[in-house]
Amino acid sequence: MCLELPDTTAAADDHAQALIARKIDQLRKAQQAGQLDPAWDPADVLALVNQIATTWAAQPEHNKAAAAHAVDPTSAARRAAVVTAVEQLFPRAR
């Protein structure tokens, strides 16, 4: 299994790429300001947080399982789990 994607280099004016670059820059600034642990590459932080945040939407079968088996099956509980996971993975700088 290959983790690398084929080269799909976007044009410099591509709106999505500009948004991603801005978010990465904001994360880098948060690291420099001591608000985010600098041990992670900001591009990795963005990609991983995005995937954690979209897990429930991208995999509806997990919603069904949570509704049937989770201690707290509410959307609020799922949202809290995402927030907790992100906070633990990417803590404030020490």
PDB file of N, CA and C in Angstrom:
ATOM      1  N   MET A   1       0.851  -1.179   0.000  1.00  0.00           N
ATOM      2  CA  MET A   1       0.000   0.000   0.000  1.00  0.00           C
ATOM      3  C   MET A   1       0.894   1.240   0.000  1.00  0.00           C
ATOM      4  N   CYS A   2       0.568   2.155  -0.840  1.00  0.00           N
ATOM      5  CA  CYS A   2       1.361   3.373  -0.973  1.00  0.00           C
ATOM      6  C   CYS A   2       0.637   4.546  -0.323  1.00  0.00           C
ATOM      7  N   LEU A   3       1.312   5.269   0.552  1.00  0.00           N
ATOM      8  CA  LEU A   3       0.713   6.433   1.202  1.00  0.00           C
ATOM      9  C   LEU A   3       0.841   7.694   0.365  1.00  0.00           C
ATOM     10  N   GLU A   4       1.741   7.691  -0.584  1.00  0.00           N
ATOM     11  CA  GLU A   4       1.956   8.876  -1.392  1.00  0.00           C
ATOM     12  C   GLU A   4       0.890   8.973  -2.474  1.00  0.00           C
ATOM     13  N   LEU A   5       0.465  10.202  -2.736  1.00  0.00           N
ATOM     14  CA  LEU A   5      -0.497  10.443  -3.799  1.00  0.00           C
ATOM     15  C   LEU A   5       0.251  10.780  -5.074  1.00  0.00           C
ATOM     16  N   PRO A   6      -0.368  10.566  -6.213  1.00  0.00           N
ATOM     17  CA  PRO A   6       0.289  10.967  -7.446  1.00  0.00           C
ATOM     18  C   PRO A   6       0.488  12.482  -7.459  1.00  0.00           C
ATOM     19  N   ASP A   7       1.476  12.939  -8.196  1.00  0.00           N
ATOM     20  CA  ASP A   7       1.766  14.363  -8.262  1.00  0.00           C
ATOM     21  C   ASP A   7       0.610  15.083  -8.941  1.00  0.00           C
ATOM     22  N   THR A   8      -0.084  15.896  -8.159  1.00  0.00           N
ATOM     23  CA  THR A   8      -1.199  16.677  -8.686  1.00  0.00           C
ATOM     24  C   THR A   8      -0.940  18.138  -8.383  1.00  0.00           C
ATOM     25  N   THR A   9       0.241  18.601  -8.714  1.00  0.00           N
ATOM     26  CA  THR A   9       0.642  19.964  -8.430  1.00  0.00           C
ATOM     27  C   THR A   9      -0.388  20.932  -8.987  1.00  0.00           C
ATOM     28  N   ALA A  10      -0.924  21.762  -8.103  1.00  0.00           N
ATOM     29  CA  ALA A  10      -1.947  22.731  -8.501  1.00  0.00           C
ATOM     30  C   ALA A  10      -1.292  24.030  -8.927  1.00  0.00           C
ATOM     31  N   ALA A  11      -2.012  24.784  -9.698  1.00  0.00           N
ATOM     32  CA  ALA A  11      -1.536  26.104 -10.100  1.00  0.00           C
ATOM     33  C   ALA A  11      -1.397  26.979  -8.861  1.00  0.00           C
ATOM     34  N   ALA A  12      -0.485  27.939  -8.923  1.00  0.00           N
ATOM     35  CA  ALA A  12      -0.219  28.806  -7.777  1.00  0.00           C
ATOM     36  C   ALA A  12      -1.454  29.568  -7.332  1.00  0.00           C
ATOM     37  N   ASP A  13      -2.390  29.806  -8.218  1.00  0.00           N
ATOM     38  CA  ASP A  13      -3.580  30.578  -7.861  1.00  0.00           C
ATOM     39  C   ASP A  13      -4.754  29.697  -7.439  1.00  0.00           C
ATOM     40  N   ASP A  14      -4.538  28.430  -7.274  1.00  0.00           N
ATOM     41  CA  ASP A  14      -5.598  27.522  -6.869  1.00  0.00           C
ATOM     42  C   ASP A  14      -6.110  27.918  -5.486  1.00  0.00           C
ATOM     43  N   HIS A  15      -7.387  28.198  -5.396  1.00  0.00           N
ATOM     44  CA  HIS A  15      -8.001  28.690  -4.157  1.00  0.00           C
ATOM     45  C   HIS A  15      -7.836  27.711  -2.993  1.00  0.00           C
ATOM     46  N   ALA A  16      -8.060  26.435  -3.233  1.00  0.00           N
ATOM     47  CA  ALA A  16      -7.931  25.444  -2.155  1.00  0.00           C
ATOM     48  C   ALA A  16      -6.508  25.391  -1.629  1.00  0.00           C
ATOM     49  N   GLN A  17      -5.535  25.440  -2.516  1.00  0.00           N
ATOM     50  CA  GLN A  17      -4.141  25.413  -2.088  1.00  0.00           C
ATOM     51  C   GLN A  17      -3.792  26.657  -1.284  1.00  0.00           C
ATOM     52  N   ALA A  18      -4.349  27.794  -1.672  1.00  0.00           N
ATOM     53  CA  ALA A  18      -4.103  29.036  -0.937  1.00  0.00           C
ATOM     54  C   ALA A  18      -4.685  28.949   0.467  1.00  0.00           C
ATOM     55  N   LEU A  19      -5.871  28.371   0.596  1.00  0.00           N
ATOM     56  CA  LEU A  19      -6.480  28.215   1.922  1.00  0.00           C
ATOM     57  C   LEU A  19      -5.654  27.288   2.804  1.00  0.00           C
ATOM     58  N   ILE A  20      -5.200  26.190   2.232  1.00  0.00           N
ATOM     59  CA  ILE A  20      -4.379  25.246   2.987  1.00  0.00           C
ATOM     60  C   ILE A  20      -3.080  25.912   3.424  1.00  0.00           C
ATOM     61  N   ALA A  21      -2.450  26.634   2.523  1.00  0.00           N
ATOM     62  CA  ALA A  21      -1.199  27.323   2.861  1.00  0.00           C
ATOM     63  C   ALA A  21      -1.426  28.322   3.990  1.00  0.00           C
ATOM     64  N   ARG A  22      -2.548  29.028   3.960  1.00  0.00           N
ATOM     65  CA  ARG A  22      -2.853  29.997   5.022  1.00  0.00           C
ATOM     66  C   ARG A  22      -3.037  29.293   6.368  1.00  0.00           C
ATOM     67  N   LYS A  23      -3.725  28.170   6.362  1.00  0.00           N
ATOM     68  CA  LYS A  23      -3.932  27.421   7.607  1.00  0.00           C
ATOM     69  C   LYS A  23      -2.607  26.892   8.160  1.00  0.00           C
ATOM     70  N   ILE A  24      -1.758  26.393   7.282  1.00  0.00           N
ATOM     71  CA  ILE A  24      -0.442  25.907   7.716  1.00  0.00           C
ATOM     72  C   ILE A  24       0.362  27.059   8.308  1.00  0.00           C
ATOM     73  N   ASP A  25       0.290  28.213   7.686  1.00  0.00           N
ATOM     74  CA  ASP A  25       0.985  29.391   8.203  1.00  0.00           C
ATOM     75  C   ASP A  25       0.441  29.787   9.579  1.00  0.00           C
ATOM     76  N   GLN A  26      -0.872  29.711   9.762  1.00  0.00           N
ATOM     77  CA  GLN A  26      -1.466  30.029  11.065  1.00  0.00           C
ATOM     78  C   GLN A  26      -0.994  29.044  12.131  1.00  0.00           C
ATOM     79  N   LEU A  27      -0.898  27.778  11.785  1.00  0.00           N
ATOM     80  CA  LEU A  27      -0.401  26.789  12.729  1.00  0.00           C
ATOM     81  C   LEU A  27       1.065  27.058  13.079  1.00  0.00           C
ATOM     82  N   ARG A  28       1.858  27.394  12.080  1.00  0.00           N
ATOM     83  CA  ARG A  28       3.267  27.707  12.318  1.00  0.00           C
ATOM     84  C   ARG A  28       3.389  28.917  13.256  1.00  0.00           C
ATOM     85  N   LYS A  29       2.561  29.927  13.049  1.00  0.00           N
ATOM     86  CA  LYS A  29       2.575  31.115  13.918  1.00  0.00           C
ATOM     87  C   LYS A  29       2.144  30.744  15.335  1.00  0.00           C
ATOM     88  N   ALA A  30       1.188  29.854  15.467  1.00  0.00           N
ATOM     89  CA  ALA A  30       0.769  29.405  16.802  1.00  0.00           C
ATOM     90  C   ALA A  30       1.919  28.678  17.496  1.00  0.00           C
ATOM     91  N   GLN A  31       2.687  27.912  16.745  1.00  0.00           N
ATOM     92  CA  GLN A  31       3.862  27.250  17.311  1.00  0.00           C
ATOM     93  C   GLN A  31       4.890  28.280  17.758  1.00  0.00           C
ATOM     94  N   GLN A  32       5.158  29.262  16.930  1.00  0.00           N
ATOM     95  CA  GLN A  32       6.144  30.292  17.260  1.00  0.00           C
ATOM     96  C   GLN A  32       5.707  31.126  18.459  1.00  0.00           C
ATOM     97  N   ALA A  33       4.404  31.277  18.645  1.00  0.00           N
ATOM     98  CA  ALA A  33       3.873  32.042  19.770  1.00  0.00           C
ATOM     99  C   ALA A  33       3.761  31.208  21.041  1.00  0.00           C
ATOM    100  N   GLY A  34       4.129  29.928  20.958  1.00  0.00           N
ATOM    101  CA  GLY A  34       4.069  29.066  22.136  1.00  0.00           C
ATOM    102  C   GLY A  34       2.690  28.520  22.424  1.00  0.00           C
ATOM    103  N   GLN A  35       1.787  28.586  21.457  1.00  0.00           N
ATOM    104  CA  GLN A  35       0.421  28.103  21.651  1.00  0.00           C
ATOM    105  C   GLN A  35       0.237  26.655  21.198  1.00  0.00           C
ATOM    106  N   LEU A  36       1.210  26.130  20.473  1.00  0.00           N
ATOM    107  CA  LEU A  36       1.114  24.772  19.943  1.00  0.00           C
ATOM    108  C   LEU A  36       2.495  24.141  19.964  1.00  0.00           C
ATOM    109  N   ASP A  37       2.548  22.907  20.368  1.00  0.00           N
ATOM    110  CA  ASP A  37       3.815  22.170  20.432  1.00  0.00           C
ATOM    111  C   ASP A  37       4.501  22.194  19.062  1.00  0.00           C
ATOM    112  N   PRO A  38       5.731  22.668  19.005  1.00  0.00           N
ATOM    113  CA  PRO A  38       6.437  22.765  17.728  1.00  0.00           C
ATOM    114  C   PRO A  38       7.031  21.439  17.237  1.00  0.00           C
ATOM    115  N   ALA A  39       6.812  20.360  17.961  1.00  0.00           N
ATOM    116  CA  ALA A  39       7.383  19.076  17.565  1.00  0.00           C
ATOM    117  C   ALA A  39       6.749  18.532  16.286  1.00  0.00           C
ATOM    118  N   TRP A  40       5.558  18.975  15.950  1.00  0.00           N
ATOM    119  CA  TRP A  40       4.846  18.502  14.774  1.00  0.00           C
ATOM    120  C   TRP A  40       5.028  19.467  13.611  1.00  0.00           C
ATOM    121  N   ASP A  41       5.121  18.940  12.419  1.00  0.00           N
ATOM    122  CA  ASP A  41       5.111  19.765  11.218  1.00  0.00           C
ATOM    123  C   ASP A  41       3.687  20.313  11.062  1.00  0.00           C
ATOM    124  N   PRO A  42       3.522  21.617  10.860  1.00  0.00           N
ATOM    125  CA  PRO A  42       2.173  22.187  10.737  1.00  0.00           C
ATOM    126  C   PRO A  42       1.324  21.532   9.639  1.00  0.00           C
ATOM    127  N   ALA A  43       1.946  21.088   8.556  1.00  0.00           N
ATOM    128  CA  ALA A  43       1.194  20.415   7.491  1.00  0.00           C
ATOM    129  C   ALA A  43       0.604  19.097   8.001  1.00  0.00           C
ATOM    130  N   ASP A  44       1.354  18.390   8.839  1.00  0.00           N
ATOM    131  CA  ASP A  44       0.851  17.144   9.415  1.00  0.00           C
ATOM    132  C   ASP A  44      -0.287  17.428  10.393  1.00  0.00           C
ATOM    133  N   VAL A  45      -0.135  18.469  11.200  1.00  0.00           N
ATOM    134  CA  VAL A  45      -1.197  18.836  12.146  1.00  0.00           C
ATOM    135  C   VAL A  45      -2.495  19.083  11.384  1.00  0.00           C
ATOM    136  N   LEU A  46      -2.414  19.879  10.343  1.00  0.00           N
ATOM    137  CA  LEU A  46      -3.611  20.208   9.570  1.00  0.00           C
ATOM    138  C   LEU A  46      -4.252  18.961   8.975  1.00  0.00           C
ATOM    139  N   ALA A  47      -3.461  18.111   8.359  1.00  0.00           N
ATOM    140  CA  ALA A  47      -4.004  16.909   7.725  1.00  0.00           C
ATOM    141  C   ALA A  47      -4.638  15.971   8.750  1.00  0.00           C
ATOM    142  N   LEU A  48      -3.967  15.768   9.869  1.00  0.00           N
ATOM    143  CA  LEU A  48      -4.477  14.842  10.880  1.00  0.00           C
ATOM    144  C   LEU A  48      -5.719  15.379  11.574  1.00  0.00           C
ATOM    145  N   VAL A  49      -5.721  16.666  11.907  1.00  0.00           N
ATOM    146  CA  VAL A  49      -6.906  17.262  12.536  1.00  0.00           C
ATOM    147  C   VAL A  49      -8.089  17.186  11.575  1.00  0.00           C
ATOM    148  N   ASN A  50      -7.847  17.459  10.307  1.00  0.00           N
ATOM    149  CA  ASN A  50      -8.917  17.383   9.317  1.00  0.00           C
ATOM    150  C   ASN A  50      -9.515  15.984   9.267  1.00  0.00           C
ATOM    151  N   GLN A  51      -8.679  14.978   9.271  1.00  0.00           N
ATOM    152  CA  GLN A  51      -9.185  13.613   9.210  1.00  0.00           C
ATOM    153  C   GLN A  51      -9.926  13.215  10.480  1.00  0.00           C
ATOM    154  N   ILE A  52      -9.414  13.621  11.623  1.00  0.00           N
ATOM    155  CA  ILE A  52     -10.113  13.325  12.879  1.00  0.00           C
ATOM    156  C   ILE A  52     -11.488  13.994  12.872  1.00  0.00           C
ATOM    157  N   ALA A  53     -11.519  15.254  12.448  1.00  0.00           N
ATOM    158  CA  ALA A  53     -12.761  16.015  12.469  1.00  0.00           C
ATOM    159  C   ALA A  53     -13.807  15.476  11.492  1.00  0.00           C
ATOM    160  N   THR A  54     -13.371  14.860  10.410  1.00  0.00           N
ATOM    161  CA  THR A  54     -14.332  14.373   9.409  1.00  0.00           C
ATOM    162  C   THR A  54     -14.634  12.883   9.527  1.00  0.00           C
ATOM    163  N   THR A  55     -14.076  12.229  10.518  1.00  0.00           N
ATOM    164  CA  THR A  55     -14.279  10.789  10.671  1.00  0.00           C
ATOM    165  C   THR A  55     -15.753  10.411  10.683  1.00  0.00           C
ATOM    166  N   TRP A  56     -16.544  11.090  11.469  1.00  0.00           N
ATOM    167  CA  TRP A  56     -17.955  10.714  11.617  1.00  0.00           C
ATOM    168  C   TRP A  56     -18.735  10.954  10.328  1.00  0.00           C
ATOM    169  N   ALA A  57     -18.428  12.018   9.618  1.00  0.00           N
ATOM    170  CA  ALA A  57     -19.127  12.297   8.367  1.00  0.00           C
ATOM    171  C   ALA A  57     -18.679  11.359   7.246  1.00  0.00           C
ATOM    172  N   ALA A  58     -17.391  11.038   7.240  1.00  0.00           N
ATOM    173  CA  ALA A  58     -16.838  10.216   6.158  1.00  0.00           C
ATOM    174  C   ALA A  58     -17.134   8.728   6.326  1.00  0.00           C
ATOM    175  N   GLN A  59     -17.449   8.326   7.537  1.00  0.00           N
ATOM    176  CA  GLN A  59     -17.685   6.909   7.802  1.00  0.00           C
ATOM    177  C   GLN A  59     -18.998   6.735   8.575  1.00  0.00           C
ATOM    178  N   PRO A  60     -20.117   6.875   7.888  1.00  0.00           N
ATOM    179  CA  PRO A  60     -21.417   6.826   8.575  1.00  0.00           C
ATOM    180  C   PRO A  60     -21.676   5.523   9.323  1.00  0.00           C
ATOM    181  N   GLU A  61     -20.984   4.452   8.936  1.00  0.00           N
ATOM    182  CA  GLU A  61     -21.177   3.193   9.663  1.00  0.00           C
ATOM    183  C   GLU A  61     -20.739   3.321  11.120  1.00  0.00           C
ATOM    184  N   HIS A  62     -19.807   4.226  11.388  1.00  0.00           N
ATOM    185  CA  HIS A  62     -19.383   4.450  12.771  1.00  0.00           C
ATOM    186  C   HIS A  62     -20.471   5.172  13.566  1.00  0.00           C
ATOM    187  N   ASN A  63     -21.208   6.044  12.919  1.00  0.00           N
ATOM    188  CA  ASN A  63     -22.340   6.700  13.591  1.00  0.00           C
ATOM    189  C   ASN A  63     -23.371   5.673  14.023  1.00  0.00           C
ATOM    190  N   LYS A  64     -23.643   4.721  13.148  1.00  0.00           N
ATOM    191  CA  LYS A  64     -24.611   3.668  13.454  1.00  0.00           C
ATOM    192  C   LYS A  64     -24.134   2.842  14.647  1.00  0.00           C
ATOM    193  N   ALA A  65     -22.859   2.489  14.637  1.00  0.00           N
ATOM    194  CA  ALA A  65     -22.301   1.702  15.745  1.00  0.00           C
ATOM    195  C   ALA A  65     -22.308   2.509  17.033  1.00  0.00           C
ATOM    196  N   ALA A  66     -21.970   3.784  16.954  1.00  0.00           N
ATOM    197  CA  ALA A  66     -21.979   4.629  18.152  1.00  0.00           C
ATOM    198  C   ALA A  66     -23.384   4.747  18.709  1.00  0.00           C
ATOM    199  N   ALA A  67     -24.363   4.899  17.833  1.00  0.00           N
ATOM    200  CA  ALA A  67     -25.748   5.010  18.292  1.00  0.00           C
ATOM    201  C   ALA A  67     -26.182   3.761  19.047  1.00  0.00           C
ATOM    202  N   ALA A  68     -25.673   2.622  18.640  1.00  0.00           N
ATOM    203  CA  ALA A  68     -26.069   1.363  19.269  1.00  0.00           C
ATOM    204  C   ALA A  68     -25.210   0.973  20.461  1.00  0.00           C
ATOM    205  N   HIS A  69     -23.932   1.415  20.491  1.00  0.00           N
ATOM    206  CA  HIS A  69     -23.013   0.860  21.484  1.00  0.00           C
ATOM    207  C   HIS A  69     -22.275   1.868  22.360  1.00  0.00           C
ATOM    208  N   ALA A  70     -22.261   3.128  21.995  1.00  0.00           N
ATOM    209  CA  ALA A  70     -21.490   4.106  22.769  1.00  0.00           C
ATOM    210  C   ALA A  70     -22.158   4.382  24.112  1.00  0.00           C
ATOM    211  N   VAL A  71     -21.350   4.691  25.104  1.00  0.00           N
ATOM    212  CA  VAL A  71     -21.879   5.059  26.420  1.00  0.00           C
ATOM    213  C   VAL A  71     -22.784   6.274  26.269  1.00  0.00           C
ATOM    214  N   ASP A  72     -22.347   7.247  25.483  1.00  0.00           N
ATOM    215  CA  ASP A  72     -23.143   8.438  25.191  1.00  0.00           C
ATOM    216  C   ASP A  72     -23.204   8.577  23.674  1.00  0.00           C
ATOM    217  N   PRO A  73     -24.329   8.243  23.060  1.00  0.00           N
ATOM    218  CA  PRO A  73     -24.418   8.220  21.603  1.00  0.00           C
ATOM    219  C   PRO A  73     -24.722   9.575  20.949  1.00  0.00           C
ATOM    220  N   THR A  74     -24.695  10.653  21.702  1.00  0.00           N
ATOM    221  CA  THR A  74     -25.072  11.946  21.148  1.00  0.00           C
ATOM    222  C   THR A  74     -23.984  12.549  20.263  1.00  0.00           C
ATOM    223  N   SER A  75     -24.389  13.465  19.406  1.00  0.00           N
ATOM    224  CA  SER A  75     -23.434  14.198  18.575  1.00  0.00           C
ATOM    225  C   SER A  75     -22.491  15.018  19.447  1.00  0.00           C
ATOM    226  N   ALA A  76     -22.999  15.536  20.546  1.00  0.00           N
ATOM    227  CA  ALA A  76     -22.155  16.320  21.457  1.00  0.00           C
ATOM    228  C   ALA A  76     -21.011  15.468  22.003  1.00  0.00           C
ATOM    229  N   ALA A  77     -21.278  14.212  22.283  1.00  0.00           N
ATOM    230  CA  ALA A  77     -20.232  13.310  22.779  1.00  0.00           C
ATOM    231  C   ALA A  77     -19.198  13.041  21.692  1.00  0.00           C
ATOM    232  N   ARG A  78     -19.644  12.864  20.461  1.00  0.00           N
ATOM    233  CA  ARG A  78     -18.711  12.659  19.356  1.00  0.00           C
ATOM    234  C   ARG A  78     -17.837  13.898  19.168  1.00  0.00           C
ATOM    235  N   ARG A  79     -18.444  15.074  19.229  1.00  0.00           N
ATOM    236  CA  ARG A  79     -17.706  16.333  19.089  1.00  0.00           C
ATOM    237  C   ARG A  79     -16.684  16.476  20.213  1.00  0.00           C
ATOM    238  N   ALA A  80     -17.084  16.156  21.434  1.00  0.00           N
ATOM    239  CA  ALA A  80     -16.167  16.241  22.577  1.00  0.00           C
ATOM    240  C   ALA A  80     -14.996  15.274  22.409  1.00  0.00           C
ATOM    241  N   ALA A  81     -15.259  14.106  21.854  1.00  0.00           N
ATOM    242  CA  ALA A  81     -14.183  13.132  21.622  1.00  0.00           C
ATOM    243  C   ALA A  81     -13.173  13.676  20.617  1.00  0.00           C
ATOM    244  N   VAL A  82     -13.653  14.337  19.580  1.00  0.00           N
ATOM    245  CA  VAL A  82     -12.753  14.938  18.588  1.00  0.00           C
ATOM    246  C   VAL A  82     -11.897  16.011  19.241  1.00  0.00           C
ATOM    247  N   VAL A  83     -12.513  16.880  20.014  1.00  0.00           N
ATOM    248  CA  VAL A  83     -11.774  17.953  20.685  1.00  0.00           C
ATOM    249  C   VAL A  83     -10.721  17.368  21.622  1.00  0.00           C
ATOM    250  N   THR A  84     -11.085  16.381  22.404  1.00  0.00           N
ATOM    251  CA  THR A  84     -10.145  15.758  23.336  1.00  0.00           C
ATOM    252  C   THR A  84      -8.989  15.103  22.582  1.00  0.00           C
ATOM    253  N   ALA A  85      -9.288  14.399  21.516  1.00  0.00           N
ATOM    254  CA  ALA A  85      -8.231  13.747  20.735  1.00  0.00           C
ATOM    255  C   ALA A  85      -7.248  14.766  20.185  1.00  0.00           C
ATOM    256  N   VAL A  86      -7.759  15.850  19.628  1.00  0.00           N
ATOM    257  CA  VAL A  86      -6.888  16.878  19.055  1.00  0.00           C
ATOM    258  C   VAL A  86      -6.059  17.545  20.150  1.00  0.00           C
ATOM    259  N   GLU A  87      -6.676  17.847  21.277  1.00  0.00           N
ATOM    260  CA  GLU A  87      -5.933  18.475  22.377  1.00  0.00           C
ATOM    261  C   GLU A  87      -4.828  17.565  22.904  1.00  0.00           C
ATOM    262  N   GLN A  88      -5.068  16.274  22.949  1.00  0.00           N
ATOM    263  CA  GLN A  88      -4.057  15.357  23.451  1.00  0.00           C
ATOM    264  C   GLN A  88      -2.951  15.080  22.435  1.00  0.00           C
ATOM    265  N   LEU A  89      -3.305  15.023  21.182  1.00  0.00           N
ATOM    266  CA  LEU A  89      -2.300  14.813  20.144  1.00  0.00           C
ATOM    267  C   LEU A  89      -1.407  16.049  19.944  1.00  0.00           C
ATOM    268  N   PHE A  90      -2.032  17.204  20.011  1.00  0.00           N
ATOM    269  CA  PHE A  90      -1.328  18.456  19.704  1.00  0.00           C
ATOM    270  C   PHE A  90      -1.461  19.429  20.880  1.00  0.00           C
ATOM    271  N   PRO A  91      -0.770  19.159  21.967  1.00  0.00           N
ATOM    272  CA  PRO A  91      -0.896  20.008  23.160  1.00  0.00           C
ATOM    273  C   PRO A  91      -0.243  21.372  22.959  1.00  0.00           C
ATOM    274  N   ARG A  92      -0.580  22.248  23.855  1.00  0.00           N
ATOM    275  CA  ARG A  92       0.090  23.554  23.869  1.00  0.00           C
ATOM    276  C   ARG A  92       1.577  23.342  24.105  1.00  0.00           C
ATOM    277  N   ALA A  93       2.363  24.266  23.621  1.00  0.00           N
ATOM    278  CA  ALA A  93       3.809  24.187  23.842  1.00  0.00           C
ATOM    279  C   ALA A  93       4.093  24.273  25.330  1.00  0.00           C
ATOM    280  N   ARG A  94       5.171  23.653  25.752  1.00  0.00           N
ATOM    281  CA  ARG A  94       5.532  23.681  27.181  1.00  0.00           C
ATOM    282  C   ARG A  94       6.658  24.654  27.408  1.00  0.00           C
TER     283      ARG A  94
END
